[in-house]
Protein backbone atom coordinates (compact mmCIF):
# COMPACT_ATOMS: atom_id res chain seq x y z
CA UNK A 1 -12.74 0.29 9.61
CA UNK A 2 -9.07 0.15 10.11
CA UNK A 3 -6.51 1.43 7.98
CA UNK A 4 -3.65 -0.85 6.62
CA UNK A 5 -0.12 -0.12 5.39
CA UNK A 6 1.26 -3.02 3.69
CA UNK A 7 4.21 -4.75 1.99
CA UNK A 8 2.88 -5.92 -1.32
CA UNK A 9 5.39 -8.14 -2.73
CA UNK A 10 6.23 -8.90 -6.16
CA UNK A 11 4.27 -11.60 -8.19
CA UNK A 12 6.04 -14.55 -6.87
CA UNK A 13 4.85 -13.72 -3.54
CA UNK A 14 2.05 -16.04 -4.70
CA UNK A 15 4.56 -18.90 -4.45
CA UNK A 16 5.71 -18.11 -0.63
CA UNK A 17 3.60 -20.17 1.78
CA UNK A 18 4.60 -18.22 4.85
CA UNK A 19 3.66 -14.78 3.43
CA UNK A 20 0.26 -15.48 1.79
CA UNK A 21 -0.90 -17.40 4.89
CA UNK A 22 0.22 -14.11 6.78
CA UNK A 23 -1.96 -12.09 4.49
CA UNK A 24 -4.83 -14.46 4.51
CA UNK A 25 -4.94 -14.79 8.41
CA UNK A 26 -4.95 -10.79 8.52
CA UNK A 27 -7.85 -10.39 6.38
CA UNK A 28 -9.84 -12.96 8.18
CA UNK A 29 -9.38 -10.79 11.46
CA UNK A 30 -10.67 -7.79 9.77
CA UNK A 31 -14.25 -6.62 10.02
CA UNK A 32 -15.87 -7.08 6.36
CA UNK A 33 -15.26 -3.85 4.22
CA UNK A 34 -17.75 -2.33 1.94
CA UNK A 35 -15.29 -1.50 -0.45
CA UNK A 36 -11.52 -1.02 -0.69
CA UNK A 37 -9.56 2.15 -1.61
CA UNK A 38 -5.89 1.07 -2.80
CA UNK A 39 -3.03 3.47 -2.78
CA UNK A 40 -0.19 1.74 -4.44
CA UNK A 41 3.29 2.73 -4.93
CA UNK A 42 3.11 1.82 -8.36
CA UNK A 43 0.90 4.40 -9.59
CA UNK A 44 2.32 7.93 -9.35
CA UNK A 45 0.11 10.37 -11.36
CA UNK A 46 -0.86 14.13 -11.22
CA UNK A 47 -3.28 15.42 -10.97
CA UNK A 48 -4.70 12.81 -8.43
CA UNK A 49 -6.50 9.98 -10.56
CA UNK A 50 -9.22 7.16 -9.85
CA UNK A 51 -9.21 3.96 -11.63
CA UNK A 52 -11.86 2.42 -13.79
CA UNK A 53 -15.66 2.62 -12.45
CA UNK A 54 -17.25 2.16 -15.60
CA UNK A 55 -15.98 -1.16 -17.34
CA UNK A 56 -13.51 -3.94 -15.93
CA UNK A 57 -9.98 -3.16 -17.39
CA UNK A 58 -7.25 -5.54 -17.71
CA UNK A 59 -4.95 -5.87 -14.63
CA UNK A 60 -1.89 -3.80 -15.22
CA UNK A 61 1.20 -6.16 -15.53
CA UNK A 62 3.85 -3.66 -14.67
CA UNK A 63 6.91 -5.98 -14.30
CA UNK A 64 9.29 -7.39 -16.70
CA UNK A 65 11.22 -10.85 -16.98
CA UNK A 66 8.93 -13.24 -14.92
CA UNK A 67 7.61 -16.47 -16.06
CA UNK A 68 4.50 -16.37 -17.91
CA UNK A 69 2.36 -17.69 -15.22
CA UNK A 70 2.42 -14.32 -13.30
CA UNK A 71 0.97 -12.48 -16.55
CA UNK A 72 -1.85 -14.85 -16.70
CA UNK A 73 -3.27 -13.76 -13.18
CA UNK A 74 -6.76 -12.22 -12.97
CA UNK A 75 -8.73 -10.41 -10.44
CA UNK A 76 -12.05 -9.26 -11.64
CA UNK A 77 -13.27 -7.29 -8.42
CA UNK A 78 -16.42 -5.47 -8.72
CA UNK A 79 -16.36 -1.71 -9.45
CA UNK A 80 -16.68 1.04 -7.01
CA UNK A 81 -17.78 4.31 -8.77
CA UNK A 82 -19.74 5.29 -5.52
CA UNK A 83 -16.49 5.35 -3.61
CA UNK A 84 -14.84 7.05 -6.49
CA UNK A 85 -17.46 9.85 -6.07
CA UNK A 86 -16.93 10.04 -2.33
CA UNK A 87 -13.18 10.36 -2.78
CA UNK A 88 -13.84 13.30 -5.38
CA UNK A 89 -15.93 15.13 -2.87
CA UNK A 90 -13.51 14.97 0.03
CA UNK A 91 -10.34 15.69 -1.68
CA UNK A 92 -11.30 17.63 -4.77
CA UNK A 93 -10.60 21.20 -3.14
CA UNK A 94 -7.15 19.97 -2.18
CA UNK A 95 -5.87 18.79 -5.52
CA UNK A 96 -4.69 21.25 -7.93
CA UNK A 97 -6.51 20.33 -11.27
CA UNK A 98 -9.12 18.18 -9.44
CA UNK A 99 -9.47 14.43 -9.02
CA UNK A 100 -9.31 12.49 -12.40
CA UNK A 101 -10.81 9.46 -13.90
CA UNK A 102 -8.65 7.07 -15.97
CA UNK A 103 -11.57 4.68 -17.14
CA UNK A 104 -8.61 2.52 -19.00
CA UNK A 105 -7.00 2.10 -15.73
CA UNK A 106 -6.96 -1.45 -14.03
CA UNK A 107 -5.37 -2.53 -10.98
CA UNK A 108 -1.32 -2.68 -10.83
CA UNK A 109 0.39 -5.29 -8.91
CA UNK A 110 1.02 -3.24 -5.75
CA UNK A 111 -2.85 -3.43 -5.71
CA UNK A 112 -3.84 -7.06 -6.78
CA UNK A 113 -1.19 -9.11 -5.71
CA UNK A 114 -2.15 -8.59 -1.82
CA UNK A 115 -5.61 -8.62 -2.64
CA UNK A 116 -5.71 -12.16 -4.25
CA UNK A 117 -4.06 -13.29 -1.28
CA UNK A 118 -6.19 -11.38 1.43
CA UNK A 119 -9.72 -11.34 -0.66
CA UNK A 120 -9.29 -14.27 -2.97
CA UNK A 121 -13.09 -14.50 -4.10
CA UNK A 122 -12.47 -11.13 -5.58
CA UNK A 123 -16.04 -10.12 -4.20
CA UNK A 124 -15.38 -6.52 -2.58
CA UNK A 125 -15.43 -3.38 -4.78
CA UNK A 126 -12.21 -1.59 -5.27
CA UNK A 127 -10.97 1.55 -6.56
CA UNK A 128 -7.46 2.50 -6.99
CA UNK A 129 -6.13 6.06 -6.16
CA UNK A 130 -2.96 7.65 -7.66
CA UNK A 131 -0.20 9.42 -5.51
CA UNK A 132 -0.14 12.82 -6.99
CA UNK A 133 3.12 13.69 -5.31
CA UNK A 134 5.68 12.12 -3.04
CA UNK A 135 5.72 14.78 -0.62
CA UNK A 136 5.18 13.52 2.83
CA UNK A 137 3.00 16.56 4.22
CA UNK A 138 1.03 16.51 1.27
CA UNK A 139 0.29 12.74 1.36
CA UNK A 140 -0.57 13.29 4.99
CA UNK A 141 -2.82 15.88 4.47
CA UNK A 142 -4.67 13.98 1.49
CA UNK A 143 -5.00 10.90 3.98
CA UNK A 144 -6.45 13.33 6.33
CA UNK A 145 -9.47 14.27 4.03
CA UNK A 146 -9.98 10.50 3.30
CA UNK A 147 -10.58 9.98 6.93
CA UNK A 148 -14.48 9.76 6.86
CA UNK A 149 -14.53 6.92 4.51
CA UNK A 150 -13.84 4.68 7.63
CA UNK A 151 -17.14 5.32 8.90
CA UNK A 152 -18.55 4.25 5.57
CA UNK A 153 -17.17 0.88 5.70
CA UNK A 154 -14.10 1.84 3.56
CA UNK A 155 -10.97 -0.13 3.86
CA UNK A 156 -8.05 2.42 3.15
CA UNK A 157 -5.03 0.28 2.06
CA UNK A 158 -1.51 1.92 1.64
CA UNK A 159 0.69 -0.55 -0.43
CA UNK A 160 4.23 -0.39 -0.64
CA UNK A 161 7.38 -2.02 1.05
CA UNK A 162 8.90 -1.16 4.31
CA UNK A 163 12.40 -1.52 2.55
CA UNK A 164 12.78 -1.33 -1.07
CA UNK A 165 16.15 -1.62 -2.55
CA UNK A 166 16.05 -4.18 -5.37
CA UNK A 167 19.78 -4.39 -5.65
CA UNK A 168 19.43 -6.55 -2.56
CA UNK A 169 17.23 -8.84 -4.22
CA UNK A 170 18.73 -12.17 -5.56
CA UNK A 171 16.42 -14.74 -6.20
CA UNK A 172 19.47 -17.39 -6.27
CA UNK A 173 20.05 -16.82 -2.39
CA UNK A 174 16.30 -17.75 -1.43
CA UNK A 175 13.48 -15.70 0.34
CA UNK A 176 14.94 -16.44 3.84
CA UNK A 177 18.35 -15.02 3.19
CA UNK A 178 19.63 -12.92 5.97
CA UNK A 179 18.84 -9.12 5.15
CA UNK A 180 21.54 -6.70 4.73
CA UNK A 181 22.43 -4.53 7.78
CA UNK A 182 20.60 -1.29 6.19
CA UNK A 183 17.66 -3.14 5.64
CA UNK A 184 17.24 -4.65 9.17
CA UNK A 185 18.23 -1.36 11.09
CA UNK A 186 15.70 0.69 9.14
CA UNK A 187 12.99 -1.97 9.74
CA UNK A 188 14.04 -1.79 13.56
CA UNK A 189 13.75 1.88 13.55
CA UNK A 190 10.55 1.91 11.75
CA UNK A 191 8.85 -0.55 14.21
CA UNK A 192 9.82 1.55 17.04
CA UNK A 193 8.94 4.92 15.31
CA UNK A 194 5.31 3.64 14.75
CA UNK A 195 5.00 1.73 18.12
CA UNK A 196 5.44 5.44 19.70
CA UNK A 197 3.09 6.98 17.18
CA UNK A 198 6.08 9.09 16.16
CA UNK A 199 4.53 10.84 13.09
CA UNK A 200 7.04 13.50 12.65
CA UNK A 201 9.81 11.05 12.62
CA UNK A 202 8.10 8.93 9.85
CA UNK A 203 7.31 11.96 7.74
CA UNK A 204 11.23 13.08 8.17
CA UNK A 205 12.64 9.54 7.87
CA UNK A 206 15.11 10.64 5.46
CA UNK A 207 16.88 12.78 7.88
CA UNK A 208 16.03 10.51 10.99
CA UNK A 209 15.98 6.80 10.11
CA UNK A 210 19.31 5.03 9.75
CA UNK A 211 20.14 3.81 6.41
CA UNK A 212 17.11 5.97 4.97
CA UNK A 213 18.75 6.39 1.46
CA UNK A 214 19.79 2.63 1.11
CA UNK A 215 16.42 1.34 2.49
CA UNK A 216 14.51 3.71 -0.06
CA UNK A 217 16.81 4.87 -3.00
CA UNK A 218 13.29 6.41 -4.10
CA UNK A 219 10.65 6.96 -1.78
CA UNK A 220 7.45 5.66 -3.60
CA UNK A 221 7.10 2.48 -1.55
CA UNK A 222 7.37 4.48 1.64
CA UNK A 223 5.25 7.29 0.61
CA UNK A 224 1.73 5.01 0.91
CA UNK A 225 2.35 4.94 4.69
CA UNK A 226 2.09 8.88 4.85
CA UNK A 227 -1.48 8.72 3.53
CA UNK A 228 -2.25 5.94 6.00
CA UNK A 229 -0.90 7.93 8.83
CA UNK A 230 -2.88 11.03 7.76
CA UNK A 231 -6.23 8.87 7.96
CA UNK A 232 -5.54 7.51 11.18
CA UNK A 233 -4.34 10.78 12.86
CA UNK A 234 -7.62 12.48 11.61
CA UNK A 235 -9.47 9.86 12.99
CA UNK A 236 -8.26 10.35 16.71
CA UNK A 237 -4.44 9.47 16.95
CA UNK A 238 -2.17 6.76 15.35
CA UNK A 239 -2.48 3.55 17.17
CA UNK A 240 -0.82 0.91 15.29
CA UNK A 241 -0.20 -2.75 15.24
CA UNK A 242 2.61 -4.45 13.41
CA UNK A 243 0.62 -7.27 12.00
CA UNK A 244 3.36 -8.73 9.61
CA UNK A 245 7.09 -8.72 10.05
CA UNK A 246 10.23 -10.37 8.70
CA UNK A 247 11.84 -10.34 5.40
CA UNK A 248 11.54 -11.44 1.86
CA UNK A 249 14.74 -11.81 -0.20
CA UNK A 250 16.24 -9.20 1.96
CA UNK A 251 13.60 -6.60 2.18
CA UNK A 252 11.36 -5.83 5.20
CA UNK A 253 7.68 -6.78 4.61
CA UNK A 254 6.82 -5.34 7.96
CA UNK A 255 3.31 -4.26 7.61
CA UNK A 256 0.79 -2.21 10.12
CA UNK A 257 -2.82 -2.05 10.95
CA UNK A 258 -4.35 1.45 12.19
CA UNK A 259 -7.16 1.00 14.47
């Protein structure tokens, strides 16, 4: 299976005809996954934890101030206990404290918002994994341990945002507003770095990328990419396609597929 890093959008993504079509077209071109391992920017927890596998839990509507319709969204994907067990077996010795199970945890919006568009039938089993750290090298190593899941039909998805500075987000200006210069500069740098497979530059983006601290005042939306890179690198190299590009309210929605 390929590995994905996607920019997941906020709940109003569902109202964006362009982006929802891009996500749907992307999933239509993918091989059918046996199951999905989601790593979202919105779940940081140490020790590393896995979402519910014994009973369906409500979605985590971890956002505030939106119209009521966004809180009524459901996504009842099958649970993935076998995948959770495989993850524990692959990374258990790497994670201080071992791998935990949070049987009260549903999917957060970094997971279900893109999945609703990509797998609308909610018929692919999903488990979400927390990020136990934001350290680039540790997440890269964690991703490398997960690489064998690809051969079992697991779609590994890192869900973040290629630029994520909410100070730039102004709904009154519309989704197609010209992005701020720091956002476009960082997007251009990221595209070139991954086109040449420069893993070291991506992991050291805070020192190497233009406008790094403006594009990511905090690094949690970039961090899922480290895990995706680790899984790709362990499978023989970082060969990527930029599947989605462009901007949404000034934020780069660039997303990659690692083959």
